[in-house]
């Protein structure tokens, strides 16, 4: 069977190939409603499928959005990537996903690859774009939105969560249970990084402890972000003589590792150790005991990121749009903190 062409659609609809293109691409020129209906009817009757590659070459843009995450195996990033994919589909776009593995060179690799594919824009969940990454973005004049991390430059476009406020909230909640103090399990970075969510979680913990008149000296511990390595760290932390009465973790995945270590050591949670996490991944409701954590509206954040990357995020109807959108955190109370239910 011969391939149906745009010329075939134009002949059946009684119009020009240019008008067919305007209908398919929704512009750049308007098409009368009656003519549009004839073209759409001809497309349906003939089973015409537009050549997306040719369209991309002509417009220098594709129906693709590039999404770079640190590690899609981690539940939070997997759920965020799924939310971005759904939001993009609602806008008629598809998503390409690359894992940076927290490495600058891999982040740059995916930046170059996705930009070379003429994606409509990039959503970057990053440990902080490196100088090389920033140079690539500038060289391509790419439309980029940071997701999950506050930008270093005021002109960067970003969608973020109130990480400091969320960590303060959950730390206060643990203190309200009457614990002498709350320890914190942060990340493995040796120095604080601007805009890094885990750094902000630690800062929120510090503020809540200071407000309560409690010292943080010697009460901040480090662990990788995944449950497997955190489990090994927690065996040492919880098995020692100075086990904390309560522990707030920078991520739910870390908290899941802590719960596994506590069970193995015979430590009752929450009777002997209160535990809380951050992110409210779906699995948090299924741990034993169910995990108290800090949640957010990930779907709304994903929609905001997709809208910003596709709509420029600078001006809408002539008025300036927020370049940095911050979403509120919310406390999700379950049994690991000592609450009933």
C-alpha atoms as a PDB file:
ATOM      1  CA  UNK A   1       0.000   0.000   0.000  1.00  0.00           C
ATOM      2  CA  UNK A   2       1.390   3.404  -1.013  1.00  0.00           C
ATOM      3  CA  UNK A   3       2.225   5.792   1.782  1.00  0.00           C
ATOM      4  CA  UNK A   4      -0.352   8.532   2.255  1.00  0.00           C
ATOM      5  CA  UNK A   5       1.179  11.971   1.771  1.00  0.00           C
ATOM      6  CA  UNK A   6       0.235  15.501   2.666  1.00  0.00           C
ATOM      7  CA  UNK A   7      -0.539  16.078  -1.025  1.00  0.00           C
ATOM      8  CA  UNK A   8      -3.149  13.292  -0.864  1.00  0.00           C
ATOM      9  CA  UNK A   9      -4.818  14.982   2.116  1.00  0.00           C
ATOM     10  CA  UNK A  10      -4.812  18.350   0.331  1.00  0.00           C
ATOM     11  CA  UNK A  11      -6.425  16.897  -2.814  1.00  0.00           C
ATOM     12  CA  UNK A  12      -9.176  15.142  -0.866  1.00  0.00           C
ATOM     13  CA  UNK A  13      -9.860  18.220   1.265  1.00  0.00           C
ATOM     14  CA  UNK A  14      -9.795  20.526  -1.758  1.00  0.00           C
ATOM     15  CA  UNK A  15      -7.123  22.799  -0.343  1.00  0.00           C
ATOM     16  CA  UNK A  16      -3.363  23.407  -0.466  1.00  0.00           C
ATOM     17  CA  UNK A  17      -0.623  21.446   1.285  1.00  0.00           C
ATOM     18  CA  UNK A  18       0.244  24.644   3.154  1.00  0.00           C
ATOM     19  CA  UNK A  19      -3.228  24.751   4.712  1.00  0.00           C
ATOM     20  CA  UNK A  20      -2.884  21.065   5.650  1.00  0.00           C
ATOM     21  CA  UNK A  21       0.374  21.955   7.401  1.00  0.00           C
ATOM     22  CA  UNK A  22      -1.298  24.808   9.281  1.00  0.00           C
ATOM     23  CA  UNK A  23      -3.976  22.415  10.549  1.00  0.00           C
ATOM     24  CA  UNK A  24      -1.499  19.707  11.574  1.00  0.00           C
ATOM     25  CA  UNK A  25       0.875  22.151  13.277  1.00  0.00           C
ATOM     26  CA  UNK A  26      -1.873  24.396  14.642  1.00  0.00           C
ATOM     27  CA  UNK A  27      -0.336  27.368  12.879  1.00  0.00           C
ATOM     28  CA  UNK A  28       1.470  29.570  12.121  1.00  0.00           C
ATOM     29  CA  UNK A  29      -1.520  30.920  10.140  1.00  0.00           C
ATOM     30  CA  UNK A  30      -5.200  30.570  11.107  1.00  0.00           C
ATOM     31  CA  UNK A  31      -7.478  28.224   9.165  1.00  0.00           C
ATOM     32  CA  UNK A  32     -11.227  28.749   8.736  1.00  0.00           C
ATOM     33  CA  UNK A  33     -13.252  26.291  10.848  1.00  0.00           C
ATOM     34  CA  UNK A  34     -14.982  24.722   7.833  1.00  0.00           C
ATOM     35  CA  UNK A  35     -11.656  24.189   6.058  1.00  0.00           C
ATOM     36  CA  UNK A  36     -10.090  22.747   9.204  1.00  0.00           C
ATOM     37  CA  UNK A  37     -12.949  20.235   9.472  1.00  0.00           C
ATOM     38  CA  UNK A  38     -12.459  19.151   5.834  1.00  0.00           C
ATOM     39  CA  UNK A  39      -8.727  18.635   6.423  1.00  0.00           C
ATOM     40  CA  UNK A  40      -9.280  16.666   9.624  1.00  0.00           C
ATOM     41  CA  UNK A  41     -11.909  14.502   7.895  1.00  0.00           C
ATOM     42  CA  UNK A  42      -9.491  13.806   5.020  1.00  0.00           C
ATOM     43  CA  UNK A  43      -6.704  12.890   7.480  1.00  0.00           C
ATOM     44  CA  UNK A  44      -9.038  10.436   9.205  1.00  0.00           C
ATOM     45  CA  UNK A  45     -10.372   8.926   5.979  1.00  0.00           C
ATOM     46  CA  UNK A  46      -6.905   8.422   4.480  1.00  0.00           C
ATOM     47  CA  UNK A  47      -5.218   7.360   7.752  1.00  0.00           C
ATOM     48  CA  UNK A  48      -2.535   9.986   7.284  1.00  0.00           C
ATOM     49  CA  UNK A  49       0.276  10.042   9.865  1.00  0.00           C
ATOM     50  CA  UNK A  50       2.446  13.184   9.961  1.00  0.00           C
ATOM     51  CA  UNK A  51       6.214  12.739   9.688  1.00  0.00           C
ATOM     52  CA  UNK A  52       7.283  13.953  13.111  1.00  0.00           C
ATOM     53  CA  UNK A  53      10.966  13.940  12.177  1.00  0.00           C
ATOM     54  CA  UNK A  54      10.329  16.240   9.217  1.00  0.00           C
ATOM     55  CA  UNK A  55       8.197  18.473  11.405  1.00  0.00           C
ATOM     56  CA  UNK A  56      10.959  18.687  13.979  1.00  0.00           C
ATOM     57  CA  UNK A  57      13.548  19.559  11.336  1.00  0.00           C
ATOM     58  CA  UNK A  58      11.313  22.311  10.006  1.00  0.00           C
ATOM     59  CA  UNK A  59      10.437  23.789  13.378  1.00  0.00           C
ATOM     60  CA  UNK A  60      13.777  22.956  15.046  1.00  0.00           C
ATOM     61  CA  UNK A  61      11.737  21.542  17.954  1.00  0.00           C
ATOM     62  CA  UNK A  62      10.257  18.132  18.740  1.00  0.00           C
ATOM     63  CA  UNK A  63       7.359  16.957  20.887  1.00  0.00           C
ATOM     64  CA  UNK A  64       9.926  15.804  23.439  1.00  0.00           C
ATOM     65  CA  UNK A  65      10.889  17.079  26.882  1.00  0.00           C
ATOM     66  CA  UNK A  66      14.188  15.972  28.373  1.00  0.00           C
ATOM     67  CA  UNK A  67      14.158  15.015  32.061  1.00  0.00           C
ATOM     68  CA  UNK A  68      17.412  14.401  33.928  1.00  0.00           C
ATOM     69  CA  UNK A  69      17.201  12.815  37.384  1.00  0.00           C
ATOM     70  CA  UNK A  70      19.938  11.732  39.800  1.00  0.00           C
ATOM     71  CA  UNK A  71      18.713   8.132  40.153  1.00  0.00           C
ATOM     72  CA  UNK A  72      15.356   6.880  38.881  1.00  0.00           C
ATOM     73  CA  UNK A  73      15.682   3.761  41.046  1.00  0.00           C
ATOM     74  CA  UNK A  74      14.980   5.868  44.128  1.00  0.00           C
ATOM     75  CA  UNK A  75      11.225   6.021  44.803  1.00  0.00           C
ATOM     76  CA  UNK A  76      10.997   9.807  45.079  1.00  0.00           C
ATOM     77  CA  UNK A  77      12.640  10.398  41.701  1.00  0.00           C
ATOM     78  CA  UNK A  78      10.665   7.566  40.096  1.00  0.00           C
ATOM     79  CA  UNK A  79       7.380   9.043  41.309  1.00  0.00           C
ATOM     80  CA  UNK A  80       8.402  12.552  40.262  1.00  0.00           C
ATOM     81  CA  UNK A  81       9.425  11.312  36.796  1.00  0.00           C
ATOM     82  CA  UNK A  82       6.051   9.579  36.407  1.00  0.00           C
ATOM     83  CA  UNK A  83       4.233  12.773  37.412  1.00  0.00           C
ATOM     84  CA  UNK A  84       6.247  14.769  34.853  1.00  0.00           C
ATOM     85  CA  UNK A  85       5.456  12.194  32.163  1.00  0.00           C
ATOM     86  CA  UNK A  86       1.729  12.441  32.894  1.00  0.00           C
ATOM     87  CA  UNK A  87       1.800  16.247  32.889  1.00  0.00           C
ATOM     88  CA  UNK A  88       3.729  16.262  29.609  1.00  0.00           C
ATOM     89  CA  UNK A  89       1.267  13.826  28.007  1.00  0.00           C
ATOM     90  CA  UNK A  90      -1.553  16.201  28.901  1.00  0.00           C
ATOM     91  CA  UNK A  91       0.297  18.832  26.849  1.00  0.00           C
ATOM     92  CA  UNK A  92       0.867  16.459  23.910  1.00  0.00           C
ATOM     93  CA  UNK A  93       4.543  15.875  24.727  1.00  0.00           C
ATOM     94  CA  UNK A  94       6.669  12.831  25.469  1.00  0.00           C
ATOM     95  CA  UNK A  95       9.493  12.603  28.003  1.00  0.00           C
ATOM     96  CA  UNK A  96      13.031  11.292  27.601  1.00  0.00           C
ATOM     97  CA  UNK A  97      14.632  10.337  30.937  1.00  0.00           C
ATOM     98  CA  UNK A  98      18.349  10.222  31.730  1.00  0.00           C
ATOM     99  CA  UNK A  99      20.018   9.268  35.013  1.00  0.00           C
ATOM    100  CA  UNK A 100      22.974  11.411  36.050  1.00  0.00           C
ATOM    101  CA  UNK A 101      23.915   9.097  38.958  1.00  0.00           C
ATOM    102  CA  UNK A 102      24.922  12.300  40.787  1.00  0.00           C
ATOM    103  CA  UNK A 103      27.856  12.684  38.347  1.00  0.00           C
ATOM    104  CA  UNK A 104      28.528  15.982  36.564  1.00  0.00           C
ATOM    105  CA  UNK A 105      29.889  14.279  33.437  1.00  0.00           C
ATOM    106  CA  UNK A 106      26.756  12.149  33.016  1.00  0.00           C
ATOM    107  CA  UNK A 107      24.553  15.197  33.513  1.00  0.00           C
ATOM    108  CA  UNK A 108      26.459  16.986  30.748  1.00  0.00           C
ATOM    109  CA  UNK A 109      26.226  13.865  28.551  1.00  0.00           C
ATOM    110  CA  UNK A 110      22.430  13.854  28.756  1.00  0.00           C
ATOM    111  CA  UNK A 111      22.206  17.610  28.342  1.00  0.00           C
ATOM    112  CA  UNK A 112      24.122  17.373  25.071  1.00  0.00           C
ATOM    113  CA  UNK A 113      22.178  14.330  23.888  1.00  0.00           C
ATOM    114  CA  UNK A 114      18.744  15.767  24.621  1.00  0.00           C
ATOM    115  CA  UNK A 115      19.553  19.218  23.261  1.00  0.00           C
ATOM    116  CA  UNK A 116      20.948  17.580  20.136  1.00  0.00           C
ATOM    117  CA  UNK A 117      17.556  15.914  19.699  1.00  0.00           C
ATOM    118  CA  UNK A 118      15.934  19.376  19.667  1.00  0.00           C
ATOM    119  CA  UNK A 119      13.774  18.769  22.702  1.00  0.00           C
ATOM    120  CA  UNK A 120      11.176  21.439  23.428  1.00  0.00           C
ATOM    121  CA  UNK A 121      12.797  22.001  26.801  1.00  0.00           C
ATOM    122  CA  UNK A 122      14.621  20.405  29.713  1.00  0.00           C
ATOM    123  CA  UNK A 123      13.535  19.675  33.257  1.00  0.00           C
ATOM    124  CA  UNK A 124      16.545  19.185  35.465  1.00  0.00           C
ATOM    125  CA  UNK A 125      16.478  17.464  38.863  1.00  0.00           C
ATOM    126  CA  UNK A 126      20.082  18.088  39.724  1.00  0.00           C
ATOM    127  CA  UNK A 127      22.521  18.075  42.581  1.00  0.00           C
ATOM    128  CA  UNK A 128      23.334  21.546  41.262  1.00  0.00           C
ATOM    129  CA  UNK A 129      24.184  22.186  37.598  1.00  0.00           C
ATOM    130  CA  UNK A 130      27.956  22.230  37.169  1.00  0.00           C
ATOM    131  CA  UNK A 131      29.817  24.976  35.322  1.00  0.00           C
ATOM    132  CA  UNK A 132      30.053  22.660  32.310  1.00  0.00           C
ATOM    133  CA  UNK A 133      26.311  21.986  32.416  1.00  0.00           C
ATOM    134  CA  UNK A 134      25.538  25.687  32.717  1.00  0.00           C
ATOM    135  CA  UNK A 135      27.815  26.383  29.733  1.00  0.00           C
ATOM    136  CA  UNK A 136      25.988  23.776  27.623  1.00  0.00           C
ATOM    137  CA  UNK A 137      22.616  25.272  28.513  1.00  0.00           C
ATOM    138  CA  UNK A 138      23.829  28.767  27.613  1.00  0.00           C
ATOM    139  CA  UNK A 139      25.476  27.636  24.360  1.00  0.00           C
ATOM    140  CA  UNK A 140      22.260  25.991  23.145  1.00  0.00           C
ATOM    141  CA  UNK A 141      20.079  28.801  24.481  1.00  0.00           C
ATOM    142  CA  UNK A 142      17.979  26.038  25.987  1.00  0.00           C
ATOM    143  CA  UNK A 143      14.733  26.408  27.902  1.00  0.00           C
ATOM    144  CA  UNK A 144      15.436  24.772  31.271  1.00  0.00           C
ATOM    145  CA  UNK A 145      13.450  24.445  34.478  1.00  0.00           C
ATOM    146  CA  UNK A 146      15.005  23.238  37.713  1.00  0.00           C
ATOM    147  CA  UNK A 147      12.749  20.904  39.684  1.00  0.00           C
ATOM    148  CA  UNK A 148      13.178  20.039  43.376  1.00  0.00           C
ATOM    149  CA  UNK A 149      16.174  22.351  43.860  1.00  0.00           C
ATOM    150  CA  UNK A 150      16.349  26.119  44.428  1.00  0.00           C
ATOM    151  CA  UNK A 151      18.424  27.985  41.830  1.00  0.00           C
ATOM    152  CA  UNK A 152      21.679  29.725  42.625  1.00  0.00           C
ATOM    153  CA  UNK A 153      20.987  32.517  40.152  1.00  0.00           C
ATOM    154  CA  UNK A 154      17.876  34.638  40.684  1.00  0.00           C
ATOM    155  CA  UNK A 155      17.042  34.441  36.960  1.00  0.00           C
ATOM    156  CA  UNK A 156      16.808  30.646  36.922  1.00  0.00           C
ATOM    157  CA  UNK A 157      13.345  29.164  36.523  1.00  0.00           C
ATOM    158  CA  UNK A 158      12.518  26.566  39.167  1.00  0.00           C
ATOM    159  CA  UNK A 159       9.749  24.626  40.908  1.00  0.00           C
ATOM    160  CA  UNK A 160      10.631  23.805  44.502  1.00  0.00           C
ATOM    161  CA  UNK A 161       9.214  22.694  47.838  1.00  0.00           C
ATOM    162  CA  UNK A 162       9.414  24.466  51.197  1.00  0.00           C
ATOM    163  CA  UNK A 163      12.056  21.992  52.391  1.00  0.00           C
ATOM    164  CA  UNK A 164      13.224  24.035  55.374  1.00  0.00           C
ATOM    165  CA  UNK A 165       9.679  24.553  56.627  1.00  0.00           C
ATOM    166  CA  UNK A 166       8.814  20.893  56.148  1.00  0.00           C
ATOM    167  CA  UNK A 167      11.825  19.716  58.151  1.00  0.00           C
ATOM    168  CA  UNK A 168      11.030  22.189  60.922  1.00  0.00           C
ATOM    169  CA  UNK A 169       7.458  20.892  61.015  1.00  0.00           C
ATOM    170  CA  UNK A 170       8.348  17.208  61.381  1.00  0.00           C
ATOM    171  CA  UNK A 171      11.123  17.898  63.911  1.00  0.00           C
ATOM    172  CA  UNK A 172       8.750  19.928  66.073  1.00  0.00           C
ATOM    173  CA  UNK A 173       6.243  17.092  65.861  1.00  0.00           C
ATOM    174  CA  UNK A 174       8.788  14.584  67.175  1.00  0.00           C
ATOM    175  CA  UNK A 175       9.805  16.959  69.982  1.00  0.00           C
ATOM    176  CA  UNK A 176       6.148  17.332  70.971  1.00  0.00           C
ATOM    177  CA  UNK A 177       6.167  13.625  71.808  1.00  0.00           C
ATOM    178  CA  UNK A 178       8.437  14.494  74.746  1.00  0.00           C
ATOM    179  CA  UNK A 179      11.781  13.292  73.437  1.00  0.00           C
ATOM    180  CA  UNK A 180      14.866  14.839  75.014  1.00  0.00           C
ATOM    181  CA  UNK A 181      16.175  15.589  71.542  1.00  0.00           C
ATOM    182  CA  UNK A 182      15.821  14.592  67.891  1.00  0.00           C
ATOM    183  CA  UNK A 183      18.833  13.442  65.878  1.00  0.00           C
ATOM    184  CA  UNK A 184      19.065  13.994  62.123  1.00  0.00           C
ATOM    185  CA  UNK A 185      20.234  11.692  59.353  1.00  0.00           C
ATOM    186  CA  UNK A 186      21.429  13.898  56.504  1.00  0.00           C
ATOM    187  CA  UNK A 187      23.325  13.222  53.311  1.00  0.00           C
ATOM    188  CA  UNK A 188      26.953  12.385  52.663  1.00  0.00           C
ATOM    189  CA  UNK A 189      28.069  15.762  51.318  1.00  0.00           C
ATOM    190  CA  UNK A 190      30.963  17.252  53.250  1.00  0.00           C
ATOM    191  CA  UNK A 191      29.947  20.849  52.598  1.00  0.00           C
ATOM    192  CA  UNK A 192      26.506  22.471  52.360  1.00  0.00           C
ATOM    193  CA  UNK A 193      25.271  23.165  48.832  1.00  0.00           C
ATOM    194  CA  UNK A 194      22.997  26.092  48.050  1.00  0.00           C
ATOM    195  CA  UNK A 195      19.462  25.093  47.226  1.00  0.00           C
ATOM    196  CA  UNK A 196      20.047  21.392  47.895  1.00  0.00           C
ATOM    197  CA  UNK A 197      16.880  19.911  49.442  1.00  0.00           C
ATOM    198  CA  UNK A 198      18.754  17.655  51.871  1.00  0.00           C
ATOM    199  CA  UNK A 199      20.857  20.600  53.054  1.00  0.00           C
ATOM    200  CA  UNK A 200      17.573  22.452  53.612  1.00  0.00           C
ATOM    201  CA  UNK A 201      16.153  19.493  55.553  1.00  0.00           C
ATOM    202  CA  UNK A 202      19.143  19.642  57.875  1.00  0.00           C
ATOM    203  CA  UNK A 203      18.709  23.403  58.218  1.00  0.00           C
ATOM    204  CA  UNK A 204      15.037  22.985  59.120  1.00  0.00           C
ATOM    205  CA  UNK A 205      15.978  20.409  61.765  1.00  0.00           C
ATOM    206  CA  UNK A 206      18.574  22.791  63.201  1.00  0.00           C
ATOM    207  CA  UNK A 207      16.062  25.630  63.412  1.00  0.00           C
ATOM    208  CA  UNK A 208      13.440  23.503  65.151  1.00  0.00           C
ATOM    209  CA  UNK A 209      15.993  22.210  67.654  1.00  0.00           C
ATOM    210  CA  UNK A 210      17.225  25.747  68.351  1.00  0.00           C
ATOM    211  CA  UNK A 211      13.664  26.989  68.852  1.00  0.00           C
ATOM    212  CA  UNK A 212      13.168  24.246  71.433  1.00  0.00           C
ATOM    213  CA  UNK A 213      16.426  25.087  73.197  1.00  0.00           C
ATOM    214  CA  UNK A 214      18.043  21.754  72.256  1.00  0.00           C
ATOM    215  CA  UNK A 215      21.620  21.321  71.133  1.00  0.00           C
ATOM    216  CA  UNK A 216      22.446  19.800  67.752  1.00  0.00           C
ATOM    217  CA  UNK A 217      26.094  19.081  68.611  1.00  0.00           C
ATOM    218  CA  UNK A 218      26.988  15.504  67.760  1.00  0.00           C
ATOM    219  CA  UNK A 219      23.431  14.757  66.699  1.00  0.00           C
ATOM    220  CA  UNK A 220      23.772  15.080  62.921  1.00  0.00           C
ATOM    221  CA  UNK A 221      24.753  11.875  61.138  1.00  0.00           C
ATOM    222  CA  UNK A 222      25.527  11.116  57.510  1.00  0.00           C
ATOM    223  CA  UNK A 223      24.243   8.375  55.240  1.00  0.00           C
ATOM    224  CA  UNK A 224      23.777   7.809  51.508  1.00  0.00           C
ATOM    225  CA  UNK A 225      20.316   8.555  50.149  1.00  0.00           C
ATOM    226  CA  UNK A 226      19.370   4.960  49.405  1.00  0.00           C
ATOM    227  CA  UNK A 227      17.890   2.497  51.904  1.00  0.00           C
ATOM    228  CA  UNK A 228      20.509  -0.202  51.373  1.00  0.00           C
ATOM    229  CA  UNK A 229      23.567   1.805  52.388  1.00  0.00           C
ATOM    230  CA  UNK A 230      21.573   3.643  55.070  1.00  0.00           C
ATOM    231  CA  UNK A 231      20.601   0.286  56.577  1.00  0.00           C
ATOM    232  CA  UNK A 232      24.296  -0.494  57.123  1.00  0.00           C
ATOM    233  CA  UNK A 233      24.935   2.946  58.633  1.00  0.00           C
ATOM    234  CA  UNK A 234      21.881   2.579  60.891  1.00  0.00           C
ATOM    235  CA  UNK A 235      23.096  -0.773  62.254  1.00  0.00           C
ATOM    236  CA  UNK A 236      26.098   1.024  63.717  1.00  0.00           C
ATOM    237  CA  UNK A 237      24.173   4.114  64.834  1.00  0.00           C
ATOM    238  CA  UNK A 238      21.353   2.244  66.536  1.00  0.00           C
ATOM    239  CA  UNK A 239      23.496  -0.562  67.901  1.00  0.00           C
ATOM    240  CA  UNK A 240      25.740   1.763  69.916  1.00  0.00           C
ATOM    241  CA  UNK A 241      25.327   3.027  73.480  1.00  0.00           C
ATOM    242  CA  UNK A 242      24.247   6.530  72.392  1.00  0.00           C
ATOM    243  CA  UNK A 243      21.205   5.565  70.361  1.00  0.00           C
ATOM    244  CA  UNK A 244      18.988   8.643  69.879  1.00  0.00           C
ATOM    245  CA  UNK A 245      15.400   8.585  71.141  1.00  0.00           C
ATOM    246  CA  UNK A 246      14.089  10.052  67.873  1.00  0.00           C
ATOM    247  CA  UNK A 247      15.495  10.356  64.378  1.00  0.00           C
ATOM    248  CA  UNK A 248      14.372  12.491  61.445  1.00  0.00           C
ATOM    249  CA  UNK A 249      15.730  11.318  58.091  1.00  0.00           C
ATOM    250  CA  UNK A 250      16.365  13.551  55.087  1.00  0.00           C
ATOM    251  CA  UNK A 251      14.560  11.098  52.778  1.00  0.00           C
ATOM    252  CA  UNK A 252      11.981   8.349  53.119  1.00  0.00           C
ATOM    253  CA  UNK A 253      14.362   5.886  51.492  1.00  0.00           C
ATOM    254  CA  UNK A 254      16.828   6.493  54.318  1.00  0.00           C
ATOM    255  CA  UNK A 255      14.032   6.076  56.882  1.00  0.00           C
ATOM    256  CA  UNK A 256      13.068   2.724  55.335  1.00  0.00           C
ATOM    257  CA  UNK A 257      16.674   1.575  55.796  1.00  0.00           C
ATOM    258  CA  UNK A 258      16.555   2.743  59.423  1.00  0.00           C
ATOM    259  CA  UNK A 259      13.331   0.827  60.082  1.00  0.00           C
ATOM    260  CA  UNK A 260      14.900  -2.341  58.673  1.00  0.00           C
ATOM    261  CA  UNK A 261      17.972  -1.948  60.900  1.00  0.00           C
ATOM    262  CA  UNK A 262      15.828  -1.278  63.972  1.00  0.00           C
ATOM    263  CA  UNK A 263      13.797  -4.434  63.357  1.00  0.00           C
ATOM    264  CA  UNK A 264      16.968  -6.511  62.983  1.00  0.00           C
ATOM    265  CA  UNK A 265      18.375  -5.094  66.247  1.00  0.00           C
ATOM    266  CA  UNK A 266      15.145  -5.736  68.121  1.00  0.00           C
ATOM    267  CA  UNK A 267      14.454  -2.021  68.696  1.00  0.00           C
ATOM    268  CA  UNK A 268      10.782  -1.184  69.018  1.00  0.00           C
ATOM    269  CA  UNK A 269       9.577   1.633  66.757  1.00  0.00           C
ATOM    270  CA  UNK A 270       8.132   3.911  68.009  1.00  0.00           C
ATOM    271  CA  UNK A 271       8.380   2.654  71.619  1.00  0.00           C
ATOM    272  CA  UNK A 272      12.168   2.861  71.842  1.00  0.00           C
ATOM    273  CA  UNK A 273      12.895   4.919  68.732  1.00  0.00           C
ATOM    274  CA  UNK A 274      10.681   7.399  66.907  1.00  0.00           C
ATOM    275  CA  UNK A 275      11.417   7.700  63.173  1.00  0.00           C
ATOM    276  CA  UNK A 276      10.277  10.183  60.536  1.00  0.00           C
ATOM    277  CA  UNK A 277      11.197  10.692  56.884  1.00  0.00           C
ATOM    278  CA  UNK A 278      10.748  13.221  54.112  1.00  0.00           C
ATOM    279  CA  UNK A 279       9.061  12.896  50.671  1.00  0.00           C
ATOM    280  CA  UNK A 280       5.983  10.731  51.372  1.00  0.00           C
ATOM    281  CA  UNK A 281       6.759   8.114  48.729  1.00  0.00           C
ATOM    282  CA  UNK A 282       3.949   5.606  48.263  1.00  0.00           C
ATOM    283  CA  UNK A 283       5.871   2.885  50.088  1.00  0.00           C
ATOM    284  CA  UNK A 284       5.956   4.999  53.268  1.00  0.00           C
ATOM    285  CA  UNK A 285       2.364   4.013  54.023  1.00  0.00           C
ATOM    286  CA  UNK A 286       3.268   0.304  53.821  1.00  0.00           C
ATOM    287  CA  UNK A 287       6.324   0.150  56.110  1.00  0.00           C
ATOM    288  CA  UNK A 288       6.083  -1.489  59.522  1.00  0.00           C
ATOM    289  CA  UNK A 289       5.156   0.676  61.297  1.00  0.00           C
ATOM    290  CA  UNK A 290       3.819   3.095  58.668  1.00  0.00           C
ATOM    291  CA  UNK A 291       6.183   6.030  58.293  1.00  0.00           C
ATOM    292  CA  UNK A 292       5.465   9.570  59.463  1.00  0.00           C
ATOM    293  CA  UNK A 293       6.885  11.897  56.837  1.00  0.00           C
ATOM    294  CA  UNK A 294       6.647  15.223  54.985  1.00  0.00           C
ATOM    295  CA  UNK A 295       4.570  15.266  51.816  1.00  0.00           C
ATOM    296  CA  UNK A 296       3.921  17.538  48.861  1.00  0.00           C
ATOM    297  CA  UNK A 297       1.667  17.778  45.835  1.00  0.00           C
ATOM    298  CA  UNK A 298       4.053  16.161  43.350  1.00  0.00           C
ATOM    299  CA  UNK A 299       1.490  16.179  40.546  1.00  0.00           C
ATOM    300  CA  UNK A 300       1.000  19.943  40.881  1.00  0.00           C
ATOM    301  CA  UNK A 301       4.765  20.497  40.981  1.00  0.00           C
ATOM    302  CA  UNK A 302       5.224  18.391  37.854  1.00  0.00           C
ATOM    303  CA  UNK A 303       2.469  20.290  36.018  1.00  0.00           C
ATOM    304  CA  UNK A 304       4.073  23.585  37.011  1.00  0.00           C
ATOM    305  CA  UNK A 305       7.473  22.439  35.727  1.00  0.00           C
ATOM    306  CA  UNK A 306       6.031  21.267  32.394  1.00  0.00           C
ATOM    307  CA  UNK A 307       4.018  24.472  31.992  1.00  0.00           C
ATOM    308  CA  UNK A 308       7.082  26.597  32.718  1.00  0.00           C
ATOM    309  CA  UNK A 309       9.342  24.697  30.335  1.00  0.00           C
ATOM    310  CA  UNK A 310       6.783  24.874  27.508  1.00  0.00           C
ATOM    311  CA  UNK A 311       5.393  28.361  28.114  1.00  0.00           C
ATOM    312  CA  UNK A 312       8.716  30.091  28.782  1.00  0.00           C
ATOM    313  CA  UNK A 313       7.652  30.973  32.316  1.00  0.00           C
ATOM    314  CA  UNK A 314       8.571  34.611  31.848  1.00  0.00           C
ATOM    315  CA  UNK A 315       5.454  36.355  30.571  1.00  0.00           C
ATOM    316  CA  UNK A 316       1.844  35.264  30.287  1.00  0.00           C
ATOM    317  CA  UNK A 317      -0.656  37.635  28.655  1.00  0.00           C
ATOM    318  CA  UNK A 318       1.891  40.414  28.963  1.00  0.00           C
ATOM    319  CA  UNK A 319       2.428  40.044  32.723  1.00  0.00           C
ATOM    320  CA  UNK A 320       5.451  38.587  34.426  1.00  0.00           C
ATOM    321  CA  UNK A 321       5.077  35.071  35.821  1.00  0.00           C
ATOM    322  CA  UNK A 322       6.930  33.811  38.894  1.00  0.00           C
ATOM    323  CA  UNK A 323      10.311  32.417  37.897  1.00  0.00           C
ATOM    324  CA  UNK A 324      10.557  30.387  41.105  1.00  0.00           C
ATOM    325  CA  UNK A 325       7.396  28.624  42.286  1.00  0.00           C
ATOM    326  CA  UNK A 326       7.511  27.267  45.831  1.00  0.00           C
ATOM    327  CA  UNK A 327       4.969  24.687  46.964  1.00  0.00           C
ATOM    328  CA  UNK A 328       4.075  24.105  50.633  1.00  0.00           C
ATOM    329  CA  UNK A 329       5.106  21.052  52.648  1.00  0.00           C
ATOM    330  CA  UNK A 330       2.606  19.059  54.680  1.00  0.00           C
ATOM    331  CA  UNK A 331       3.025  16.746  57.670  1.00  0.00           C
ATOM    332  CA  UNK A 332       1.793  13.193  57.036  1.00  0.00           C
ATOM    333  CA  UNK A 333       1.306  11.562  60.439  1.00  0.00           C
ATOM    334  CA  UNK A 334       1.496   7.776  60.754  1.00  0.00           C
ATOM    335  CA  UNK A 335       2.612   5.428  63.536  1.00  0.00           C
ATOM    336  CA  UNK A 336       6.432   5.539  63.332  1.00  0.00           C
ATOM    337  CA  UNK A 337       6.504   8.802  65.316  1.00  0.00           C
ATOM    338  CA  UNK A 338       4.397   7.473  68.176  1.00  0.00           C
ATOM    339  CA  UNK A 339       0.983   8.650  67.062  1.00  0.00           C
ATOM    340  CA  UNK A 340      -1.858   6.153  66.982  1.00  0.00           C
ATOM    341  CA  UNK A 341      -3.803   5.168  63.916  1.00  0.00           C
END
